[in-house]
C-alpha atoms as a PDB file:
ATOM      1  CA  MET A   1     -51.101-110.760 -58.881  1.00  0.00           C
ATOM      2  CA  LEU A   2     -49.829-107.901 -56.725  1.00  0.00           C
ATOM      3  CA  GLY A   3     -49.073-105.355 -59.309  1.00  0.00           C
ATOM      4  CA  ALA A   4     -48.992-101.441 -58.293  1.00  0.00           C
ATOM      5  CA  CYS A   5     -51.811-100.793 -60.101  1.00  0.00           C
ATOM      6  CA  GLN A   6     -53.931-101.763 -57.586  1.00  0.00           C
ATOM      7  CA  ALA A   7     -52.719 -99.549 -54.451  1.00  0.00           C
ATOM      8  CA  PRO A   8     -54.100 -96.533 -54.122  1.00  0.00           C
ATOM      9  CA  GLU A   9     -53.007 -92.499 -55.102  1.00  0.00           C
ATOM     10  CA  ARG A  10     -51.696 -91.015 -51.930  1.00  0.00           C
ATOM     11  CA  THR A  11     -50.496 -87.587 -51.723  1.00  0.00           C
ATOM     12  CA  ALA A  12     -49.836 -85.804 -48.764  1.00  0.00           C
ATOM     13  CA  ASP A  13     -53.469 -84.536 -48.238  1.00  0.00           C
ATOM     14  CA  ALA A  14     -54.897 -87.664 -49.604  1.00  0.00           C
ATOM     15  CA  ALA A  15     -56.785 -88.435 -46.007  1.00  0.00           C
ATOM     16  CA  LEU A  16     -57.829 -84.947 -45.757  1.00  0.00           C
ATOM     17  CA  ALA A  17     -61.114 -85.189 -48.261  1.00  0.00           C
ATOM     18  CA  PRO A  18     -64.399 -83.954 -45.893  1.00  0.00           C
ATOM     19  CA  HIS A  19     -65.796 -87.685 -46.181  1.00  0.00           C
ATOM     20  CA  VAL A  20     -62.694 -88.603 -44.168  1.00  0.00           C
ATOM     21  CA  ARG A  21     -62.789 -85.787 -42.018  1.00  0.00           C
ATOM     22  CA  ALA A  22     -66.555 -86.822 -41.246  1.00  0.00           C
ATOM     23  CA  VAL A  23     -65.568 -89.943 -39.752  1.00  0.00           C
ATOM     24  CA  LEU A  24     -62.418 -90.295 -38.437  1.00  0.00           C
ATOM     25  CA  GLY A  25     -61.143 -86.712 -37.958  1.00  0.00           C
ATOM     26  CA  ALA A  26     -58.476 -84.447 -39.204  1.00  0.00           C
ATOM     27  CA  PRO A  27     -55.556 -83.920 -39.570  1.00  0.00           C
ATOM     28  CA  VAL A  28     -54.485 -87.558 -39.948  1.00  0.00           C
ATOM     29  CA  PRO A  29     -51.918 -87.834 -36.822  1.00  0.00           C
ATOM     30  CA  ALA A  30     -48.422 -88.092 -37.838  1.00  0.00           C
ATOM     31  CA  PRO A  31     -45.391 -88.232 -35.714  1.00  0.00           C
ATOM     32  CA  ALA A  32     -43.612 -84.687 -35.108  1.00  0.00           C
ATOM     33  CA  ASN A  33     -40.064 -85.892 -36.756  1.00  0.00           C
ATOM     34  CA  ASN A  34     -42.130 -87.607 -39.756  1.00  0.00           C
ATOM     35  CA  PRO A  35     -44.284 -85.250 -41.325  1.00  0.00           C
ATOM     36  CA  SER A  36     -45.834 -86.604 -44.383  1.00  0.00           C
ATOM     37  CA  THR A  37     -44.663 -85.375 -47.560  1.00  0.00           C
ATOM     38  CA  PRO A  38     -45.533 -85.956 -51.164  1.00  0.00           C
ATOM     39  CA  GLU A  39     -42.202 -87.248 -51.542  1.00  0.00           C
ATOM     40  CA  GLY A  40     -42.186 -89.293 -48.182  1.00  0.00           C
ATOM     41  CA  ILE A  41     -45.364 -91.078 -49.185  1.00  0.00           C
ATOM     42  CA  ALA A  42     -44.020 -91.466 -53.351  1.00  0.00           C
ATOM     43  CA  LEU A  43     -40.788 -93.024 -51.577  1.00  0.00           C
ATOM     44  CA  GLY A  44     -42.717 -94.977 -49.341  1.00  0.00           C
ATOM     45  CA  LYS A  45     -44.927 -96.595 -51.994  1.00  0.00           C
ATOM     46  CA  LYS A  46     -42.236 -97.480 -54.001  1.00  0.00           C
ATOM     47  CA  LEU A  47     -40.542 -99.542 -51.513  1.00  0.00           C
ATOM     48  CA  PHE A  48     -43.267-101.179 -49.933  1.00  0.00           C
ATOM     49  CA  PHE A  49     -44.168-102.593 -53.553  1.00  0.00           C
ATOM     50  CA  ASP A  50     -40.402-103.587 -54.055  1.00  0.00           C
ATOM     51  CA  PRO A  51     -39.074-107.185 -53.024  1.00  0.00           C
ATOM     52  CA  ILE A  52     -35.956-105.466 -52.644  1.00  0.00           C
ATOM     53  CA  LEU A  53     -36.518-105.681 -49.557  1.00  0.00           C
ATOM     54  CA  SER A  54     -36.308-109.292 -48.581  1.00  0.00           C
ATOM     55  CA  ALA A  55     -33.484-111.288 -47.825  1.00  0.00           C
ATOM     56  CA  ASN A  56     -33.497-113.215 -51.106  1.00  0.00           C
ATOM     57  CA  GLY A  57     -35.518-110.268 -53.362  1.00  0.00           C
ATOM     58  CA  GLN A  58     -38.523-111.855 -53.623  1.00  0.00           C
ATOM     59  CA  VAL A  59     -41.383-110.966 -51.031  1.00  0.00           C
ATOM     60  CA  SER A  60     -42.677-107.089 -50.627  1.00  0.00           C
ATOM     61  CA  CYS A  61     -44.332-105.663 -47.943  1.00  0.00           C
ATOM     62  CA  ALA A  62     -47.510-106.038 -50.592  1.00  0.00           C
ATOM     63  CA  THR A  63     -46.731-109.606 -50.732  1.00  0.00           C
ATOM     64  CA  CYS A  64     -48.931-109.958 -46.938  1.00  0.00           C
ATOM     65  CA  HIS A  65     -50.869-106.738 -47.458  1.00  0.00           C
ATOM     66  CA  GLN A  66     -52.374-106.986 -50.717  1.00  0.00           C
ATOM     67  CA  PRO A  67     -54.466-104.028 -51.982  1.00  0.00           C
ATOM     68  CA  ASN A  68     -57.218-106.416 -53.346  1.00  0.00           C
ATOM     69  CA  ARG A  69     -57.590-107.700 -49.953  1.00  0.00           C
ATOM     70  CA  ALA A  70     -57.536-104.222 -47.773  1.00  0.00           C
ATOM     71  CA  PHE A  71     -54.347-105.066 -47.608  1.00  0.00           C
ATOM     72  CA  SER A  72     -53.841-108.479 -45.587  1.00  0.00           C
ATOM     73  CA  ASP A  73     -53.199-111.781 -47.452  1.00  0.00           C
ATOM     74  CA  GLY A  74     -56.579-114.181 -47.120  1.00  0.00           C
ATOM     75  CA  GLN A  75     -54.410-117.218 -45.201  1.00  0.00           C
ATOM     76  CA  PRO A  76     -54.901-118.129 -41.971  1.00  0.00           C
ATOM     77  CA  LEU A  77     -51.430-118.215 -41.079  1.00  0.00           C
ATOM     78  CA  SER A  78     -48.830-116.761 -43.962  1.00  0.00           C
ATOM     79  CA  THR A  79     -47.114-118.772 -45.389  1.00  0.00           C
ATOM     80  CA  LEU A  80     -46.094-116.235 -48.414  1.00  0.00           C
ATOM     81  CA  GLY A  81     -42.545-114.823 -46.195  1.00  0.00           C
ATOM     82  CA  ILE A  82     -39.307-116.068 -47.907  1.00  0.00           C
ATOM     83  CA  THR A  83     -38.899-119.543 -46.039  1.00  0.00           C
ATOM     84  CA  HIS A  84     -42.915-120.266 -46.576  1.00  0.00           C
ATOM     85  CA  ARG A  85     -42.960-121.381 -43.134  1.00  0.00           C
ATOM     86  CA  PRO A  86     -46.318-120.427 -41.245  1.00  0.00           C
ATOM     87  CA  LEU A  87     -46.292-117.248 -39.189  1.00  0.00           C
ATOM     88  CA  SER A  88     -47.658-117.557 -35.569  1.00  0.00           C
ATOM     89  CA  ARG A  89     -50.647-114.409 -36.316  1.00  0.00           C
ATOM     90  CA  HIS A  90     -52.542-114.093 -39.312  1.00  0.00           C
ATOM     91  CA  THR A  91     -51.678-110.833 -40.732  1.00  0.00           C
ATOM     92  CA  PRO A  92     -53.598-108.014 -39.759  1.00  0.00           C
ATOM     93  CA  ALA A  93     -54.949-105.655 -42.437  1.00  0.00           C
ATOM     94  CA  LEU A  94     -53.453-102.525 -42.808  1.00  0.00           C
ATOM     95  CA  ILE A  95     -56.415-100.264 -42.163  1.00  0.00           C
ATOM     96  CA  ASN A  96     -56.424 -96.938 -40.866  1.00  0.00           C
ATOM     97  CA  VAL A  97     -53.598 -97.380 -38.917  1.00  0.00           C
ATOM     98  CA  ALA A  98     -52.658 -93.670 -38.742  1.00  0.00           C
ATOM     99  CA  TRP A  99     -55.077 -93.646 -35.782  1.00  0.00           C
ATOM    100  CA  MET A 100     -54.134 -96.531 -34.061  1.00  0.00           C
ATOM    101  CA  PRO A 101     -51.649 -95.764 -31.078  1.00  0.00           C
ATOM    102  CA  ALA A 102     -50.192 -99.445 -30.924  1.00  0.00           C
ATOM    103  CA  LEU A 103     -50.072-102.333 -33.519  1.00  0.00           C
ATOM    104  CA  PHE A 104     -49.495-106.187 -33.962  1.00  0.00           C
ATOM    105  CA  TRP A 105     -52.130-108.135 -31.874  1.00  0.00           C
ATOM    106  CA  ASP A 106     -50.202-107.705 -28.236  1.00  0.00           C
ATOM    107  CA  GLY A 107     -49.801-103.856 -29.089  1.00  0.00           C
ATOM    108  CA  GLY A 108     -46.203-104.659 -29.759  1.00  0.00           C
ATOM    109  CA  ALA A 109     -45.489-101.949 -31.653  1.00  0.00           C
ATOM    110  CA  ARG A 110     -46.459 -97.814 -31.459  1.00  0.00           C
ATOM    111  CA  ASN A 111     -46.324 -96.570 -34.676  1.00  0.00           C
ATOM    112  CA  PRO A 112     -46.564 -97.378 -37.958  1.00  0.00           C
ATOM    113  CA  GLU A 113     -42.054 -96.567 -38.165  1.00  0.00           C
ATOM    114  CA  SER A 114     -41.408 -99.197 -35.322  1.00  0.00           C
ATOM    115  CA  LEU A 115     -43.920-101.697 -37.154  1.00  0.00           C
ATOM    116  CA  VAL A 116     -41.837-101.864 -40.227  1.00  0.00           C
ATOM    117  CA  PHE A 117     -38.827-103.518 -38.106  1.00  0.00           C
ATOM    118  CA  GLY A 118     -40.724-106.737 -37.531  1.00  0.00           C
ATOM    119  CA  PRO A 119     -41.446-108.274 -41.210  1.00  0.00           C
ATOM    120  CA  LEU A 120     -38.528-106.900 -42.104  1.00  0.00           C
ATOM    121  CA  THR A 121     -35.994-108.774 -39.899  1.00  0.00           C
ATOM    122  CA  HIS A 122     -38.056-111.582 -39.280  1.00  0.00           C
ATOM    123  CA  VAL A 123     -36.764-114.629 -39.990  1.00  0.00           C
ATOM    124  CA  ASP A 124     -39.763-115.791 -41.553  1.00  0.00           C
ATOM    125  CA  GLU A 125     -41.099-112.710 -43.282  1.00  0.00           C
ATOM    126  CA  MET A 126     -38.228-111.066 -45.050  1.00  0.00           C
ATOM    127  CA  GLY A 127     -35.356-112.362 -43.106  1.00  0.00           C
ATOM    128  CA  THR A 128     -33.293-108.827 -44.007  1.00  0.00           C
ATOM    129  CA  ASP A 129     -29.894-107.838 -42.383  1.00  0.00           C
ATOM    130  CA  LEU A 130     -30.810-104.427 -42.212  1.00  0.00           C
ATOM    131  CA  ARG A 131     -27.458-103.122 -42.280  1.00  0.00           C
ATOM    132  CA  HIS A 132     -27.108-105.618 -45.900  1.00  0.00           C
ATOM    133  CA  LEU A 133     -30.357-103.149 -46.962  1.00  0.00           C
ATOM    134  CA  VAL A 134     -29.231-100.097 -46.147  1.00  0.00           C
ATOM    135  CA  GLN A 135     -26.264-100.771 -48.390  1.00  0.00           C
ATOM    136  CA  THR A 136     -28.253-102.487 -51.241  1.00  0.00           C
ATOM    137  CA  LEU A 137     -30.166 -99.056 -51.568  1.00  0.00           C
ATOM    138  CA  GLN A 138     -27.616 -96.555 -51.115  1.00  0.00           C
ATOM    139  CA  ASP A 139     -26.029 -98.750 -54.410  1.00  0.00           C
ATOM    140  CA  HIS A 140     -29.414 -98.506 -56.498  1.00  0.00           C
ATOM    141  CA  PRO A 141     -29.680 -96.206 -59.086  1.00  0.00           C
ATOM    142  CA  THR A 142     -32.648 -94.366 -57.956  1.00  0.00           C
ATOM    143  CA  TYR A 143     -32.958 -94.599 -54.313  1.00  0.00           C
ATOM    144  CA  PRO A 144     -30.667 -92.398 -53.292  1.00  0.00           C
ATOM    145  CA  ALA A 145     -32.574 -89.406 -55.241  1.00  0.00           C
ATOM    146  CA  ALA A 146     -35.562 -90.703 -53.977  1.00  0.00           C
ATOM    147  CA  PHE A 147     -34.629 -90.181 -50.297  1.00  0.00           C
ATOM    148  CA  GLN A 148     -33.098 -87.138 -50.969  1.00  0.00           C
ATOM    149  CA  ARG A 149     -36.396 -85.550 -52.391  1.00  0.00           C
ATOM    150  CA  ALA A 150     -37.572 -87.195 -49.142  1.00  0.00           C
ATOM    151  CA  PHE A 151     -35.736 -86.503 -46.559  1.00  0.00           C
ATOM    152  CA  GLY A 152     -33.247 -83.888 -47.735  1.00  0.00           C
ATOM    153  CA  SER A 153     -30.171 -86.604 -47.464  1.00  0.00           C
ATOM    154  CA  ASP A 154     -29.352 -89.520 -50.418  1.00  0.00           C
ATOM    155  CA  SER A 155     -27.448 -91.213 -47.262  1.00  0.00           C
ATOM    156  CA  ILE A 156     -29.756 -93.618 -46.389  1.00  0.00           C
ATOM    157  CA  THR A 157     -30.518 -95.046 -42.767  1.00  0.00           C
ATOM    158  CA  SER A 158     -32.899 -98.008 -41.697  1.00  0.00           C
ATOM    159  CA  ALA A 159     -34.650 -95.438 -39.830  1.00  0.00           C
ATOM    160  CA  THR A 160     -35.663 -93.230 -43.343  1.00  0.00           C
ATOM    161  CA  VAL A 161     -36.545 -96.540 -44.491  1.00  0.00           C
ATOM    162  CA  ALA A 162     -38.516 -97.078 -41.793  1.00  0.00           C
ATOM    163  CA  ARG A 163     -39.782 -93.457 -41.590  1.00  0.00           C
ATOM    164  CA  ALA A 164     -40.404 -93.794 -45.745  1.00  0.00           C
ATOM    165  CA  LEU A 165     -43.064 -96.791 -45.550  1.00  0.00           C
ATOM    166  CA  ALA A 166     -44.506 -95.263 -42.330  1.00  0.00           C
ATOM    167  CA  GLN A 167     -46.001 -92.307 -44.243  1.00  0.00           C
ATOM    168  CA  PHE A 168     -47.028 -94.324 -47.116  1.00  0.00           C
ATOM    169  CA  THR A 169     -49.162 -97.128 -44.583  1.00  0.00           C
ATOM    170  CA  ARG A 170     -50.586 -93.747 -43.075  1.00  0.00           C
ATOM    171  CA  THR A 171     -51.920 -92.906 -45.686  1.00  0.00           C
ATOM    172  CA  LEU A 172     -54.117 -96.370 -46.015  1.00  0.00           C
ATOM    173  CA  VAL A 173     -57.159 -94.406 -44.991  1.00  0.00           C
ATOM    174  CA  PHE A 174     -60.533 -96.247 -45.170  1.00  0.00           C
ATOM    175  CA  ALA A 175     -64.080 -94.266 -44.556  1.00  0.00           C
ATOM    176  CA  ASP A 176     -66.228 -94.134 -47.592  1.00  0.00           C
ATOM    177  CA  SER A 177     -68.205 -97.422 -47.322  1.00  0.00           C
ATOM    178  CA  ARG A 178     -71.520 -97.555 -47.855  1.00  0.00           C
ATOM    179  CA  TYR A 179     -72.223 -97.540 -43.897  1.00  0.00           C
ATOM    180  CA  ASP A 180     -70.280 -93.951 -44.241  1.00  0.00           C
ATOM    181  CA  ARG A 181     -72.491 -92.195 -47.171  1.00  0.00           C
ATOM    182  CA  TRP A 182     -75.259 -93.697 -45.437  1.00  0.00           C
ATOM    183  CA  GLN A 183     -74.629 -91.714 -41.790  1.00  0.00           C
ATOM    184  CA  ARG A 184     -73.457 -88.773 -43.990  1.00  0.00           C
ATOM    185  CA  GLN A 185     -76.836 -89.070 -45.812  1.00  0.00           C
ATOM    186  CA  GLU A 186     -75.198 -88.892 -49.293  1.00  0.00           C
ATOM    187  CA  ALA A 187     -75.622 -90.820 -52.246  1.00  0.00           C
ATOM    188  CA  GLY A 188     -75.228 -94.556 -52.382  1.00  0.00           C
ATOM    189  CA  GLY A 189     -75.795 -95.024 -49.085  1.00  0.00           C
ATOM    190  CA  GLU A 190     -79.514 -96.577 -48.730  1.00  0.00           C
ATOM    191  CA  LEU A 191     -79.177 -99.362 -46.052  1.00  0.00           C
ATOM    192  CA  THR A 192     -82.322-102.107 -46.741  1.00  0.00           C
ATOM    193  CA  ALA A 193     -84.263-102.983 -43.886  1.00  0.00           C
ATOM    194  CA  ALA A 194     -82.122-106.007 -42.535  1.00  0.00           C
ATOM    195  CA  GLU A 195     -79.326-103.748 -42.386  1.00  0.00           C
ATOM    196  CA  GLN A 196     -80.934-100.671 -40.467  1.00  0.00           C
ATOM    197  CA  ARG A 197     -81.846-103.866 -38.094  1.00  0.00           C
ATOM    198  CA  GLY A 198     -78.298-105.375 -37.820  1.00  0.00           C
ATOM    199  CA  ARG A 199     -76.733-101.596 -37.142  1.00  0.00           C
ATOM    200  CA  HIS A 200     -79.176-101.132 -34.346  1.00  0.00           C
ATOM    201  CA  LEU A 201     -78.408-104.668 -33.473  1.00  0.00           C
ATOM    202  CA  PHE A 202     -74.123-103.815 -33.983  1.00  0.00           C
ATOM    203  CA  GLU A 203     -74.570-101.167 -31.744  1.00  0.00           C
ATOM    204  CA  GLN A 204     -76.159-103.034 -28.948  1.00  0.00           C
ATOM    205  CA  ARG A 205     -73.766-105.568 -28.789  1.00  0.00           C
ATOM    206  CA  CYS A 206     -70.778-105.289 -30.381  1.00  0.00           C
ATOM    207  CA  ALA A 207     -69.890-101.546 -30.427  1.00  0.00           C
ATOM    208  CA  GLY A 208     -68.455-101.379 -26.865  1.00  0.00           C
ATOM    209  CA  CYS A 209     -65.369-102.979 -28.771  1.00  0.00           C
ATOM    210  CA  HIS A 210     -65.466-102.075 -32.470  1.00  0.00           C
ATOM    211  CA  THR A 211     -66.490 -98.511 -31.936  1.00  0.00           C
ATOM    212  CA  PRO A 212     -68.209 -96.966 -35.138  1.00  0.00           C
ATOM    213  CA  GLY A 213     -65.672 -94.606 -36.552  1.00  0.00           C
ATOM    214  CA  LEU A 214     -62.453 -96.902 -36.674  1.00  0.00           C
ATOM    215  CA  PHE A 215     -64.717 -99.489 -35.712  1.00  0.00           C
ATOM    216  CA  THR A 216     -62.011-100.125 -33.176  1.00  0.00           C
ATOM    217  CA  ASP A 217     -61.610 -99.158 -29.991  1.00  0.00           C
ATOM    218  CA  ASN A 218     -57.224-100.264 -30.039  1.00  0.00           C
ATOM    219  CA  ARG A 219     -57.670-101.483 -26.643  1.00  0.00           C
ATOM    220  CA  TYR A 220     -57.703-105.191 -26.103  1.00  0.00           C
ATOM    221  CA  HIS A 221     -59.706-108.023 -25.071  1.00  0.00           C
ATOM    222  CA  ASN A 222     -60.662-112.158 -24.108  1.00  0.00           C
ATOM    223  CA  ASN A 223     -62.701-112.950 -26.758  1.00  0.00           C
ATOM    224  CA  GLY A 224     -63.306-116.681 -25.478  1.00  0.00           C
ATOM    225  CA  LEU A 225     -61.377-118.379 -27.843  1.00  0.00           C
ATOM    226  CA  ASP A 226     -59.204-120.392 -25.866  1.00  0.00           C
ATOM    227  CA  ARG A 227     -59.286-121.627 -22.424  1.00  0.00           C
ATOM    228  CA  ASP A 228     -55.990-121.967 -21.360  1.00  0.00           C
ATOM    229  CA  PHE A 229     -52.931-119.514 -21.963  1.00  0.00           C
ATOM    230  CA  ALA A 230     -49.997-121.945 -20.381  1.00  0.00           C
ATOM    231  CA  ASP A 231     -48.127-121.503 -24.252  1.00  0.00           C
ATOM    232  CA  THR A 232     -45.173-120.181 -23.675  1.00  0.00           C
ATOM    233  CA  ARG A 233     -43.544-120.856 -26.875  1.00  0.00           C
ATOM    234  CA  GLU A 234     -42.107-117.917 -29.071  1.00  0.00           C
ATOM    235  CA  GLU A 235     -41.703-115.629 -26.381  1.00  0.00           C
ATOM    236  CA  GLY A 236     -45.061-115.922 -25.749  1.00  0.00           C
ATOM    237  CA  LEU A 237     -46.789-115.530 -28.642  1.00  0.00           C
ATOM    238  CA  ARG A 238     -49.860-117.211 -27.880  1.00  0.00           C
ATOM    239  CA  GLN A 239     -50.789-115.547 -25.008  1.00  0.00           C
ATOM    240  CA  GLY A 240     -52.083-112.562 -26.193  1.00  0.00           C
ATOM    241  CA  ARG A 241     -51.092-108.493 -24.389  1.00  0.00           C
ATOM    242  CA  TYR A 242     -49.907-110.772 -21.451  1.00  0.00           C
ATOM    243  CA  ARG A 243     -46.344-110.878 -23.986  1.00  0.00           C
ATOM    244  CA  ILE A 244     -45.933-107.233 -23.648  1.00  0.00           C
ATOM    245  CA  THR A 245     -46.645-106.033 -19.962  1.00  0.00           C
ATOM    246  CA  PHE A 246     -46.507-109.507 -18.116  1.00  0.00           C
ATOM    247  CA  ASP A 247     -50.003-108.306 -16.372  1.00  0.00           C
ATOM    248  CA  SER A 248     -51.959-111.868 -15.650  1.00  0.00           C
ATOM    249  CA  ALA A 249     -54.959-109.698 -16.340  1.00  0.00           C
ATOM    250  CA  ASP A 250     -53.772-109.372 -20.259  1.00  0.00           C
ATOM    251  CA  LEU A 251     -53.434-113.096 -21.004  1.00  0.00           C
ATOM    252  CA  GLY A 252     -55.706-114.109 -23.758  1.00  0.00           C
ATOM    253  CA  ARG A 253     -56.322-110.458 -24.706  1.00  0.00           C
ATOM    254  CA  TYR A 254     -55.952-109.428 -28.015  1.00  0.00           C
ATOM    255  CA  LYS A 255     -56.102-105.777 -29.902  1.00  0.00           C
ATOM    256  CA  THR A 256     -59.663-105.556 -31.612  1.00  0.00           C
ATOM    257  CA  PRO A 257     -59.230-105.045 -35.071  1.00  0.00           C
ATOM    258  CA  THR A 258     -61.337-102.893 -37.189  1.00  0.00           C
ATOM    259  CA  LEU A 259     -63.945-104.402 -39.164  1.00  0.00           C
ATOM    260  CA  ARG A 260     -63.953-101.844 -41.846  1.00  0.00           C
ATOM    261  CA  ASN A 261     -63.659-104.112 -44.781  1.00  0.00           C
ATOM    262  CA  VAL A 262     -64.089-107.434 -42.962  1.00  0.00           C
ATOM    263  CA  ALA A 263     -65.776-109.128 -45.631  1.00  0.00           C
ATOM    264  CA  GLN A 264     -62.216-108.962 -47.521  1.00  0.00           C
ATOM    265  CA  THR A 265     -59.806-110.266 -44.880  1.00  0.00           C
ATOM    266  CA  ALA A 266     -60.878-113.133 -43.650  1.00  0.00           C
ATOM    267  CA  PRO A 267     -59.975-115.495 -42.371  1.00  0.00           C
ATOM    268  CA  TYR A 268     -60.110-113.989 -39.111  1.00  0.00           C
ATOM    269  CA  MET A 269     -58.732-113.882 -35.183  1.00  0.00           C
ATOM    270  CA  HIS A 270     -55.444-113.719 -34.597  1.00  0.00           C
ATOM    271  CA  ASP A 271     -54.741-116.913 -35.469  1.00  0.00           C
ATOM    272  CA  GLY A 272     -56.578-116.821 -38.758  1.00  0.00           C
ATOM    273  CA  ARG A 273     -58.861-119.954 -36.959  1.00  0.00           C
ATOM    274  CA  LEU A 274     -62.167-118.431 -37.840  1.00  0.00           C
ATOM    275  CA  ALA A 275     -62.596-118.961 -42.233  1.00  0.00           C
ATOM    276  CA  THR A 276     -65.462-116.914 -42.285  1.00  0.00           C
ATOM    277  CA  LEU A 277     -67.852-114.413 -41.342  1.00  0.00           C
ATOM    278  CA  ASP A 278     -70.841-116.796 -40.532  1.00  0.00           C
ATOM    279  CA  ASP A 279     -68.039-118.970 -38.147  1.00  0.00           C
ATOM    280  CA  VAL A 280     -67.439-115.707 -36.325  1.00  0.00           C
ATOM    281  CA  LEU A 281     -70.770-115.096 -35.629  1.00  0.00           C
ATOM    282  CA  ALA A 282     -71.512-118.970 -34.622  1.00  0.00           C
ATOM    283  CA  HIS A 283     -68.276-118.162 -32.706  1.00  0.00           C
ATOM    284  CA  TYR A 284     -70.030-115.729 -30.380  1.00  0.00           C
ATOM    285  CA  ARG A 285     -73.388-117.225 -30.673  1.00  0.00           C
ATOM    286  CA  PHE A 286     -71.739-120.708 -28.880  1.00  0.00           C
ATOM    287  CA  GLY A 287     -68.436-120.848 -29.193  1.00  0.00           C
ATOM    288  CA  VAL A 288     -67.400-118.864 -26.283  1.00  0.00           C
ATOM    289  CA  GLN A 289     -64.548-120.378 -23.735  1.00  0.00           C
ATOM    290  CA  PRO A 290     -65.064-119.488 -20.424  1.00  0.00           C
ATOM    291  CA  SER A 291     -61.597-118.259 -18.260  1.00  0.00           C
ATOM    292  CA  PRO A 292     -60.738-115.718 -15.715  1.00  0.00           C
ATOM    293  CA  THR A 293     -60.104-113.325 -18.274  1.00  0.00           C
ATOM    294  CA  LEU A 294     -63.063-113.457 -20.644  1.00  0.00           C
ATOM    295  CA  ASP A 295     -64.193-109.992 -21.488  1.00  0.00           C
ATOM    296  CA  ALA A 296     -67.175-108.742 -19.196  1.00  0.00           C
ATOM    297  CA  LEU A 297     -69.206-107.485 -22.058  1.00  0.00           C
ATOM    298  CA  LEU A 298     -69.123-111.727 -23.096  1.00  0.00           C
ATOM    299  CA  GLN A 299     -69.819-112.627 -19.684  1.00  0.00           C
ATOM    300  CA  GLN A 300     -73.861-113.609 -19.064  1.00  0.00           C
ATOM    301  CA  PRO A 301     -75.233-114.170 -15.236  1.00  0.00           C
ATOM    302  CA  ASP A 302     -77.805-116.373 -16.191  1.00  0.00           C
ATOM    303  CA  GLY A 303     -76.650-118.396 -19.042  1.00  0.00           C
ATOM    304  CA  PRO A 304     -73.094-119.621 -21.414  1.00  0.00           C
ATOM    305  CA  PRO A 305     -71.021-116.879 -22.600  1.00  0.00           C
ATOM    306  CA  GLY A 306     -71.185-114.920 -25.726  1.00  0.00           C
ATOM    307  CA  ILE A 307     -73.807-113.186 -27.518  1.00  0.00           C
ATOM    308  CA  GLY A 308     -77.312-114.227 -27.616  1.00  0.00           C
ATOM    309  CA  LEU A 309     -78.536-114.404 -30.984  1.00  0.00           C
ATOM    310  CA  THR A 310     -81.792-115.475 -33.117  1.00  0.00           C
ATOM    311  CA  ASP A 311     -80.943-117.195 -36.661  1.00  0.00           C
ATOM    312  CA  GLU A 312     -82.209-113.931 -37.890  1.00  0.00           C
ATOM    313  CA  GLU A 313     -80.256-111.399 -35.993  1.00  0.00           C
ATOM    314  CA  THR A 314     -77.173-112.884 -36.762  1.00  0.00           C
ATOM    315  CA  ALA A 315     -78.389-112.865 -40.519  1.00  0.00           C
ATOM    316  CA  ASP A 316     -79.219-108.884 -40.129  1.00  0.00           C
ATOM    317  CA  LEU A 317     -75.406-108.644 -38.274  1.00  0.00           C
ATOM    318  CA  LYS A 318     -73.761-109.549 -41.162  1.00  0.00           C
ATOM    319  CA  ALA A 319     -75.764-108.038 -43.092  1.00  0.00           C
ATOM    320  CA  PHE A 320     -75.125-104.818 -41.660  1.00  0.00           C
ATOM    321  CA  LEU A 321     -71.121-105.832 -41.591  1.00  0.00           C
ATOM    322  CA  LEU A 322     -71.055-106.180 -45.634  1.00  0.00           C
ATOM    323  CA  THR A 323     -71.852-102.500 -45.700  1.00  0.00           C
ATOM    324  CA  LEU A 324     -68.615-101.793 -44.022  1.00  0.00           C
ATOM    325  CA  THR A 325     -66.453-102.924 -47.586  1.00  0.00           C
ATOM    326  CA  GLU A 326     -65.027 -99.067 -49.032  1.00  0.00           C
ATOM    327  CA  ILE A 327     -66.196 -98.294 -52.189  1.00  0.00           C
ATOM    328  CA  THR A 328     -63.727 -95.769 -53.442  1.00  0.00           C
ATOM    329  CA  GLU A 329     -60.881 -98.835 -52.846  1.00  0.00           C
ATOM    330  CA  ALA A 330     -63.440-101.772 -53.841  1.00  0.00           C
ATOM    331  CA  GLN A 331     -63.477 -99.939 -57.706  1.00  0.00           C
END
């Protein structure tokens, strides 16, 4: 189901093609202590698809970050981990993470390197003891040589595991949708009249948070899913960004997800509660809940909160969102 043959081939320069530079800028961001190399990326890709990383040897990173779903998993709350218990948050797609200054729904990871340790060690995801994992990889017939090629030493550490995985995830670049080709005035980038109307609506009503290019502003917003944020279970996972900052202004605020490949990443929201794009659009039309931290862009002085759209405008906006599906990776 999740064969590695579905994963795009990546090199250190894979994300520097002209069409990527035109949309996202170049070079691809990477820290000085973990520059991308072909050897590091190849090792990271091998690790990403290898269930050896999990405690039971059955769950890989790709189990929940599936290439054919834009590196998401299609479940509201994933049950694909080692215990099959549902997680508390929806699995985010791994799209253009190299440009993300923080990761997870609350921004709890500052970079792809630190992101790795969350799912690796979570009891319901991969459940790994890092010391045991390092020893397992060290005893493996091929991994020590691969780490030697990537990092100049066959002595494996949890840090080099994270560095390799981060190098691979930074190659998961998406910048070649039909919208992108239209923007670059390339063949295959034609937009219909409905899609153009939807584009104008998007720029007027949605781009304040889903900024074109990345189609996220990399910030945190309360988009009116709930009124009450008093649930403190699981270290405040249901309180949004507040879990990290302890600032009451961040109650109910979650990181803006990218809308690239949005047609492939259902269901939606931090808890996967909205099953379809139609449900998402209906939420913004009719379902926004008022609260003290509701984003200002959704507050209406002369009416209920939300985004005012007619049925025709809603159809046009949906048509535009469907143009954000990657052409190259969809093949």
